[in-house]
Amino acid sequence: MKTILIVDDDADIRAVLSEFLEAEGYGTATAENGRDALSYLHRHPRTSVVLLDLMMPVMNGYQFIAARQQDAAVAAIPVVVMTARGAVGAGLGGVTKVLPKPMDLDDLLATLQAA
């Protein structure tokens, strides 16, 4: 079973995405910022995909991506960014795909299946 780590500071978004993905047959875990996500990935290096928000306190998505790229233990785990921002700018090296919020759930599933 693929496990998706949902990283978002909004508890409602984490809950809704977890419920949806579990109904689709995925395992899920959640983190409320990039620092918690890195900690989780070190404990669970077989995580299939990280579903990452960009705008979060403590460690935002851009900081998470930079730290992930420098960390061989987690650098190969695919990252799908979800953001309400139109243009995301630089700093997204190694990201599989950027999905706009609100997300098209069919597009999300197709992206996760491909990752």
Protein backbone atom coordinates (compact mmCIF):
# COMPACT_ATOMS: atom_id res chain seq x y z
CA MET A 1 0.00 0.00 0.00
CA LYS A 2 1.31 3.44 -0.92
CA THR A 3 1.59 5.84 1.99
CA ILE A 4 1.06 9.54 1.35
CA LEU A 5 2.42 12.12 3.80
CA ILE A 6 0.11 15.16 3.77
CA VAL A 7 1.93 18.31 4.91
CA ASP A 8 -0.30 21.32 5.52
CA ASP A 9 -0.77 23.72 8.42
CA ASP A 10 -4.57 23.60 7.97
CA ALA A 11 -5.98 20.74 10.06
CA ASP A 12 -9.20 20.63 8.00
CA ILE A 13 -7.27 20.14 4.76
CA ARG A 14 -5.17 17.38 6.33
CA ALA A 15 -8.31 15.64 7.59
CA VAL A 16 -10.26 15.89 4.32
CA LEU A 17 -7.33 14.73 2.19
CA SER A 18 -6.60 11.85 4.58
CA GLU A 19 -10.20 10.68 4.49
CA PHE A 20 -10.39 10.96 0.70
CA LEU A 21 -7.08 9.17 0.06
CA GLU A 22 -7.82 6.40 2.55
CA ALA A 23 -11.18 5.81 0.80
CA GLU A 24 -9.14 5.45 -2.42
CA GLY A 25 -6.93 2.77 -0.85
CA TYR A 26 -3.91 4.79 0.24
CA GLY A 27 -2.35 4.89 3.67
CA THR A 28 -1.89 8.41 5.01
CA ALA A 29 0.13 10.27 7.58
CA THR A 30 0.06 13.99 8.31
CA ALA A 31 2.40 16.77 9.39
CA GLU A 32 1.60 20.42 10.03
CA ASN A 33 4.90 21.88 8.77
CA GLY A 34 8.08 20.97 6.93
CA ARG A 35 10.12 20.28 10.07
CA ASP A 36 7.57 17.73 11.28
CA ALA A 37 7.50 16.23 7.77
CA LEU A 38 11.28 15.72 7.70
CA SER A 39 11.15 14.12 11.12
CA TYR A 40 8.38 11.77 9.95
CA LEU A 41 10.29 10.83 6.79
CA HIS A 42 13.38 9.90 8.79
CA ARG A 43 11.24 7.54 10.87
CA HIS A 44 9.33 6.24 7.80
CA PRO A 45 11.73 6.32 4.81
CA ARG A 46 9.46 4.08 2.73
CA THR A 47 6.81 6.82 2.41
CA SER A 48 5.58 6.80 -1.20
CA VAL A 49 4.81 10.48 -1.83
CA VAL A 50 4.82 13.79 0.06
CA LEU A 51 1.82 16.03 -0.66
CA LEU A 52 3.21 19.43 0.36
CA ASP A 53 1.68 22.85 0.98
CA LEU A 54 4.04 25.78 0.41
CA MET A 55 2.82 28.38 2.91
CA MET A 56 3.25 27.07 6.47
CA PRO A 57 4.79 28.35 9.70
CA VAL A 58 7.95 26.89 11.31
CA MET A 59 9.35 25.43 8.04
CA ASN A 60 7.53 26.30 4.83
CA GLY A 61 7.38 24.19 1.69
CA TYR A 62 10.31 25.92 -0.01
CA GLN A 63 12.50 25.34 3.06
CA PHE A 64 11.36 21.70 3.21
CA ILE A 65 12.27 21.16 -0.45
CA ALA A 66 15.74 22.68 0.05
CA ALA A 67 16.37 20.56 3.17
CA ARG A 68 15.05 17.42 1.46
CA GLN A 69 17.41 17.88 -1.50
CA GLN A 70 20.39 18.05 0.88
CA ASP A 71 19.35 14.91 2.77
CA ALA A 72 20.20 11.66 0.98
CA ALA A 73 17.91 9.66 3.29
CA VAL A 74 14.77 11.38 1.97
CA ALA A 75 15.81 13.08 -1.30
CA ALA A 76 14.36 10.33 -3.52
CA ILE A 77 10.83 10.48 -2.06
CA PRO A 78 8.58 12.17 -4.64
CA VAL A 79 7.03 15.52 -3.68
CA VAL A 80 3.77 16.90 -5.09
CA VAL A 81 3.19 20.56 -4.19
CA MET A 82 -0.29 21.90 -3.53
CA THR A 83 -0.70 25.66 -3.39
CA ALA A 84 -3.29 28.41 -3.59
CA ARG A 85 -0.67 30.75 -5.05
CA GLY A 86 -0.85 31.25 -8.79
CA ALA A 87 2.86 31.48 -9.59
CA VAL A 88 5.11 29.53 -7.28
CA GLY A 89 8.44 30.94 -8.40
CA ALA A 90 11.85 29.34 -8.09
CA GLY A 91 12.94 26.90 -5.43
CA LEU A 92 10.91 23.87 -6.47
CA GLY A 93 13.67 21.69 -7.84
CA GLY A 94 12.92 17.99 -7.65
CA VAL A 95 9.17 18.44 -7.37
CA THR A 96 7.07 15.94 -9.32
CA LYS A 97 4.11 18.27 -9.94
CA VAL A 98 2.44 21.45 -8.68
CA LEU A 99 -1.32 21.23 -8.11
CA PRO A 100 -3.46 24.33 -7.55
CA LYS A 101 -5.76 24.65 -4.55
CA PRO A 102 -8.59 23.94 -4.56
CA MET A 103 -7.47 20.67 -6.09
CA ASP A 104 -9.14 18.64 -8.78
CA LEU A 105 -9.36 15.27 -7.01
CA ASP A 106 -9.12 13.27 -10.25
CA ASP A 107 -5.91 15.14 -11.12
CA LEU A 108 -4.60 14.47 -7.60
CA LEU A 109 -5.27 10.72 -7.92
CA ALA A 110 -3.68 10.55 -11.37
CA THR A 111 -0.61 12.40 -10.06
CA LEU A 112 -0.27 10.10 -7.04
CA GLN A 113 -0.65 6.99 -9.17
CA ALA A 114 2.10 8.21 -11.51
CA ALA A 115 4.50 9.26 -8.73
